[in-house]
Protein backbone atom coordinates (compact mmCIF):
# COMPACT_ATOMS: atom_id res chain seq x y z
CA MET A 1 152.94 91.53 114.82
CA THR A 2 153.71 94.25 117.38
CA GLU A 3 152.55 96.87 114.89
CA LEU A 4 149.25 95.04 114.43
CA ALA A 5 148.77 94.63 118.19
CA GLN A 6 149.48 98.34 118.68
CA ALA A 7 146.89 99.22 116.04
CA VAL A 8 144.29 96.97 117.70
CA VAL A 9 144.87 98.55 121.13
CA ASN A 10 144.68 102.06 119.67
CA GLY A 11 141.47 101.10 117.89
CA LEU A 12 139.91 99.75 121.09
CA GLN A 13 140.65 103.00 122.90
CA MET A 14 139.15 105.07 120.09
CA GLY A 15 136.21 102.67 119.94
CA LEU A 16 135.31 103.52 123.52
CA LEU A 17 134.90 107.16 122.49
CA TYR A 18 132.85 106.12 119.46
CA ALA A 19 130.61 104.12 121.80
CA LEU A 20 129.86 107.21 123.85
CA VAL A 21 129.05 109.13 120.66
CA ALA A 22 126.71 106.42 119.38
CA VAL A 23 124.94 105.27 122.54
CA GLY A 24 122.72 108.36 122.69
CA LEU A 25 121.54 107.52 119.19
CA ALA A 26 120.97 103.92 120.28
CA ILE A 27 118.50 105.25 122.85
CA ILE A 28 116.71 107.66 120.53
CA TRP A 29 116.74 105.59 117.34
CA GLY A 30 117.01 102.06 118.67
CA LEU A 31 114.70 102.18 121.70
CA MET A 32 112.36 105.01 120.69
CA GLU A 33 112.40 104.30 116.94
CA MET A 34 112.85 107.99 116.15
CA VAL A 35 115.18 109.35 113.49
CA ASN A 36 117.63 112.05 114.56
CA PHE A 37 119.94 113.39 111.86
CA ALA A 38 120.96 116.22 114.19
CA HIS A 39 122.63 113.80 116.60
CA GLY A 40 126.13 114.95 115.69
CA GLU A 41 125.19 118.59 116.20
CA PHE A 42 124.67 117.97 119.91
CA MET A 43 128.22 116.63 119.94
CA MET A 44 129.35 119.74 118.07
CA LEU A 45 127.67 121.91 120.72
CA GLY A 46 129.53 119.96 123.40
CA MET A 47 132.82 120.65 121.64
CA PHE A 48 132.03 124.35 121.30
CA GLY A 49 130.91 124.47 124.93
CA ALA A 50 134.25 123.01 126.03
CA TRP A 51 136.15 125.45 123.81
CA TRP A 52 134.14 128.52 124.93
CA LEU A 53 134.44 127.74 128.65
CA SER A 54 138.15 127.11 128.19
CA ALA A 55 138.76 130.30 126.19
CA THR A 56 136.54 132.51 128.37
CA PHE A 57 137.02 131.20 131.91
CA GLY A 58 140.03 128.93 131.57
CA TRP A 59 138.01 125.85 132.50
CA ASP A 60 139.48 122.49 131.65
CA PRO A 61 137.17 120.31 129.50
CA LEU A 62 137.01 117.74 132.29
CA VAL A 63 135.50 120.46 134.51
CA ALA A 64 133.35 121.94 131.73
CA MET A 65 131.82 118.51 131.16
CA VAL A 66 129.23 118.95 133.92
CA PRO A 67 127.68 122.33 132.94
CA VAL A 68 127.86 121.45 129.23
CA ALA A 69 126.08 118.13 129.83
CA LEU A 70 123.34 119.83 131.86
CA ALA A 71 122.81 122.52 129.21
CA ILE A 72 122.62 120.00 126.38
CA TYR A 73 120.31 117.77 128.43
CA VAL A 74 117.87 120.70 128.71
CA LEU A 75 118.22 121.34 124.99
CA GLY A 76 117.47 117.69 124.26
CA VAL A 77 114.34 117.75 126.40
CA LEU A 78 113.17 120.94 124.67
CA THR A 79 113.92 119.44 121.27
CA TYR A 80 111.57 116.57 121.98
CA SER A 81 108.83 118.53 123.74
CA GLN A 82 108.72 121.43 121.27
CA LEU A 83 109.61 119.69 117.99
CA MET A 84 109.85 115.91 117.87
CA ARG A 85 106.69 115.23 119.89
CA ARG A 86 104.73 116.94 117.13
CA VAL A 87 106.10 114.68 114.40
CA GLN A 88 106.58 111.48 116.41
CA ARG A 89 103.39 109.78 115.22
CA GLY A 90 103.75 111.08 111.69
CA ASP A 91 105.52 109.67 108.68
CA ALA A 92 109.24 108.89 108.98
CA PHE A 93 109.91 111.60 106.43
CA ALA A 94 108.48 114.16 108.86
CA GLN A 95 111.08 113.12 111.43
CA ILE A 96 113.84 113.22 108.82
CA PHE A 97 112.96 116.71 107.62
CA ALA A 98 112.47 117.96 111.19
CA THR A 99 115.90 116.75 112.34
CA VAL A 100 117.65 117.87 109.15
CA GLY A 101 116.11 121.29 109.73
CA LEU A 102 117.36 121.20 113.32
CA LEU A 103 120.81 120.22 112.05
CA LEU A 104 120.95 123.22 109.72
CA PHE A 105 119.58 125.55 112.40
CA LEU A 106 122.18 124.51 114.98
CA GLN A 107 125.03 124.62 112.48
CA ASN A 108 124.15 128.05 111.15
CA SER A 109 123.50 129.42 114.64
CA VAL A 110 127.02 128.43 115.66
CA VAL A 111 128.43 129.91 112.43
CA ALA A 112 126.60 133.18 113.16
CA LEU A 113 127.97 133.29 116.71
CA PHE A 114 131.51 132.00 116.21
CA THR A 115 132.14 131.92 112.39
CA SER A 116 133.33 128.79 110.56
CA ASP A 117 136.93 129.00 111.74
CA TYR A 118 138.66 125.95 113.14
CA ARG A 119 139.41 126.19 116.85
CA PHE A 120 141.45 124.14 119.27
CA VAL A 121 141.16 123.53 122.99
CA SER A 122 144.68 123.85 124.39
CA ASP A 123 146.38 123.93 127.77
CA THR A 124 144.27 121.12 129.19
CA VAL A 125 145.00 118.37 131.68
CA LEU A 126 145.08 115.78 128.91
CA SER A 127 147.29 117.93 126.67
CA HIS A 128 149.84 118.19 129.48
CA LEU A 129 149.96 114.38 129.49
CA SER A 130 150.44 114.13 125.74
CA GLY A 131 154.00 112.86 126.03
CA VAL A 132 153.29 110.32 128.77
CA GLN A 133 152.99 106.68 127.74
CA LEU A 134 152.57 103.35 129.46
CA SER A 135 154.19 100.24 128.04
CA VAL A 136 152.52 96.86 128.45
CA LEU A 137 154.10 93.84 126.74
CA GLY A 138 155.74 96.14 124.24
CA ILE A 139 152.49 97.95 123.41
CA LYS A 140 152.47 101.67 124.10
CA LEU A 141 149.40 103.28 125.64
CA GLY A 142 149.13 107.04 125.32
CA VAL A 143 147.84 108.31 128.66
CA PRO A 144 145.51 111.05 127.25
CA LEU A 145 143.62 108.61 125.01
CA LEU A 146 143.65 105.95 127.72
CA VAL A 147 142.13 108.34 130.29
CA ALA A 148 139.53 109.53 127.78
CA GLY A 149 138.65 105.95 126.85
CA LEU A 150 138.29 104.84 130.46
CA LEU A 151 136.11 107.87 131.22
CA ALA A 152 133.90 107.04 128.24
CA LEU A 153 133.70 103.41 129.38
CA ALA A 154 132.69 104.46 132.91
CA LEU A 155 129.89 106.65 131.53
CA PHE A 156 128.80 103.86 129.21
CA ILE A 157 128.61 101.36 132.06
CA ALA A 158 126.62 103.86 134.15
CA LEU A 159 124.14 104.25 131.30
CA TYR A 160 123.85 100.49 130.84
CA LEU A 161 123.07 100.03 134.53
CA LEU A 162 120.57 102.91 134.39
CA VAL A 163 118.68 101.39 131.47
CA ASP A 164 118.95 97.74 132.48
CA ARG A 165 118.83 97.82 136.28
CA THR A 166 116.62 100.73 137.37
CA GLU A 167 112.90 101.45 137.37
CA PHE A 168 113.49 104.30 134.93
CA GLY A 169 115.27 102.00 132.50
CA LEU A 170 112.60 99.33 132.73
CA ALA A 171 109.91 101.99 132.21
CA LEU A 172 111.78 103.26 129.14
CA GLN A 173 112.04 99.75 127.71
CA ALA A 174 108.36 99.11 128.44
CA THR A 175 107.42 102.35 126.68
CA SER A 176 109.47 101.40 123.62
CA GLU A 177 107.85 97.96 123.47
CA ASP A 178 104.21 99.02 123.88
CA ARG A 179 103.26 102.61 124.65
CA ASP A 180 99.59 101.86 125.36
CA ALA A 181 100.39 99.01 127.76
CA ALA A 182 102.91 101.23 129.55
CA MET A 183 100.24 103.87 130.07
CA LEU A 184 97.97 101.26 131.66
CA VAL A 185 100.54 100.67 134.43
CA GLY A 186 101.01 104.38 135.13
CA ILE A 187 104.00 105.20 132.90
CA ARG A 188 103.83 108.55 131.12
CA PRO A 189 105.31 107.94 127.65
CA GLN A 190 105.78 111.60 126.76
CA LYS A 191 107.79 112.20 129.92
CA MET A 192 109.91 109.10 129.27
CA PHE A 193 110.61 110.16 125.71
CA ALA A 194 111.56 113.68 126.76
CA VAL A 195 113.99 112.39 129.40
CA ALA A 196 115.43 109.88 126.93
CA TRP A 197 116.04 112.64 124.37
CA GLY A 198 117.72 114.75 127.02
CA LEU A 199 119.85 111.81 128.15
CA GLY A 200 120.86 110.91 124.59
CA ALA A 201 121.78 114.52 123.80
CA ALA A 202 123.74 114.92 127.05
CA LEU A 203 125.77 111.77 126.42
CA VAL A 204 126.85 112.78 122.94
CA GLY A 205 127.50 116.29 124.29
CA ILE A 206 129.86 114.79 126.88
CA ALA A 207 131.52 112.84 124.07
CA GLY A 208 132.02 116.16 122.29
CA VAL A 209 133.68 117.66 125.37
CA ILE A 210 136.10 114.72 125.55
CA LEU A 211 136.79 114.73 121.80
CA ALA A 212 137.57 118.46 121.93
CA ASN A 213 140.85 117.40 123.53
CA PHE A 214 141.83 115.52 120.36
CA PHE A 215 139.94 117.06 117.40
CA SER A 216 139.59 120.58 116.04
CA VAL A 217 136.33 122.37 116.81
CA TYR A 218 134.25 123.71 113.90
CA PRO A 219 130.52 123.91 113.06
CA GLN A 220 130.45 120.96 110.60
CA VAL A 221 132.37 118.53 112.80
CA GLY A 222 129.25 116.60 113.82
CA LEU A 223 128.24 115.36 110.37
CA SER A 224 130.90 112.67 109.96
CA PHE A 225 130.27 111.43 113.50
CA THR A 226 126.53 111.23 112.82
CA VAL A 227 127.10 108.90 109.86
CA LEU A 228 129.50 106.80 111.92
CA ALA A 229 127.06 106.65 114.85
CA TYR A 230 124.25 105.37 112.59
CA ALA A 231 126.56 102.66 111.23
CA ILE A 232 127.57 101.63 114.78
CA VAL A 233 123.98 101.44 116.06
CA ALA A 234 122.83 99.47 113.01
CA LEU A 235 125.83 97.15 113.27
CA GLY A 236 125.35 96.55 116.98
CA GLY A 237 121.61 95.99 116.70
CA PHE A 238 118.72 98.39 117.18
CA GLY A 239 117.98 99.02 120.83
CA SER A 240 121.00 97.10 122.12
CA ILE A 241 123.30 99.18 124.32
CA LEU A 242 125.77 96.31 124.70
CA GLY A 243 125.69 95.84 120.93
CA THR A 244 126.54 99.51 120.47
CA LEU A 245 129.66 99.09 122.61
CA CYS A 246 130.81 95.97 120.74
CA ALA A 247 130.15 97.55 117.34
CA ALA A 248 131.99 100.75 118.33
CA LEU A 249 135.03 98.74 119.43
CA LEU A 250 134.93 96.82 116.14
CA VAL A 251 134.73 100.06 114.15
CA GLY A 252 137.64 101.54 116.07
CA VAL A 253 139.79 98.47 115.44
CA VAL A 254 138.89 98.29 111.74
CA GLN A 255 139.80 101.94 111.26
CA SER A 256 143.06 101.68 113.19
CA VAL A 257 144.24 98.48 111.50
CA THR A 258 143.28 99.77 108.05
CA VAL A 259 145.48 102.88 108.28
CA VAL A 260 148.48 100.69 109.16
CA TYR A 261 148.39 98.86 105.83
CA LEU A 262 146.42 101.19 103.55
CA PRO A 263 146.05 104.95 102.97
CA PRO A 264 143.83 106.67 105.60
CA ALA A 265 141.17 107.36 102.97
CA PHE A 266 140.22 103.66 103.07
CA LYS A 267 139.43 103.47 106.79
CA ASP A 268 135.77 104.47 106.54
CA ALA A 269 135.29 102.39 103.40
CA PHE A 270 136.36 99.29 105.33
CA VAL A 271 134.06 100.21 108.23
CA PHE A 272 130.99 100.38 106.01
CA GLY A 273 132.19 97.36 104.05
CA SER A 274 132.30 95.40 107.32
CA TYR A 275 128.77 96.55 108.11
CA LEU A 276 127.51 95.38 104.71
CA LEU A 277 129.26 92.02 105.11
CA ILE A 278 127.79 91.39 108.57
CA GLY A 279 124.42 92.66 107.36
CA LEU A 280 124.29 89.86 104.78
CA PHE A 281 124.25 87.26 107.56
CA ARG A 282 122.69 89.23 110.44
CA PRO A 283 120.56 92.08 109.07
CA GLN A 284 119.30 92.76 112.60
CA GLY A 285 122.85 93.56 113.73
CA LEU A 286 125.21 91.71 116.08
CA PHE A 287 122.93 91.88 119.11
CA GLY A 288 119.61 92.84 117.53
CA ARG A 289 116.58 90.93 118.65
CA PHE A 290 114.69 91.10 115.35
């Protein structure tokens, strides 16, 4: 029983990081109804940004988080204004091909600059805490993952309040519901979409900075996280930020519990199996409205 409880707690902590990876996609895909297959590449850029600033200037990823987030926010805004705005009203296939092209461009640009070698961010604040654990009711909490999870949760809550409690968030929701009606009350949809793309890119970039403390850094690292993020957003319900958090926690727990009793190769199979099972009864997702 203790082993199962330990696996559940570990999964919840990892799920918080998954939530930060997926919530940017929840904004772009769920609220804006735009496909973005390059979502994971913004995370990859965040990981490379953390590694480069650490290797070049000795910056800790927790410090590098701010400039990396700002840079990726600008890149997200430019991606929408210079690329996605032109295909937004077109067929869904146009969005798919545009973002797949962006995926390949970003991947190959990083390969050209840094090669395909695996890299690691070392000598960080979290790495120095790698041997520190807290024990609660016999369950061990690794401090590095706990700190990372709490940081991801704080950012997630800030985003939720931004979208659900501010004029910007209400304007974004209004734009996603009815663009023409939003324009009638003075909202500029193109500006809202550009900011939303920048915000979504910055969030997954921050997730990349945090994950660089735990995962190796290489140009193709974003692909597996993209697939996982799509599953989380679909499971939680399109356009539901709270649903994204709940689904991410569920995915983290399923993965963690699975590897306790079965070979690690089965962990993703059980995640997508859970999505298919829930989809039979709630095709709109756990918190989807329709």
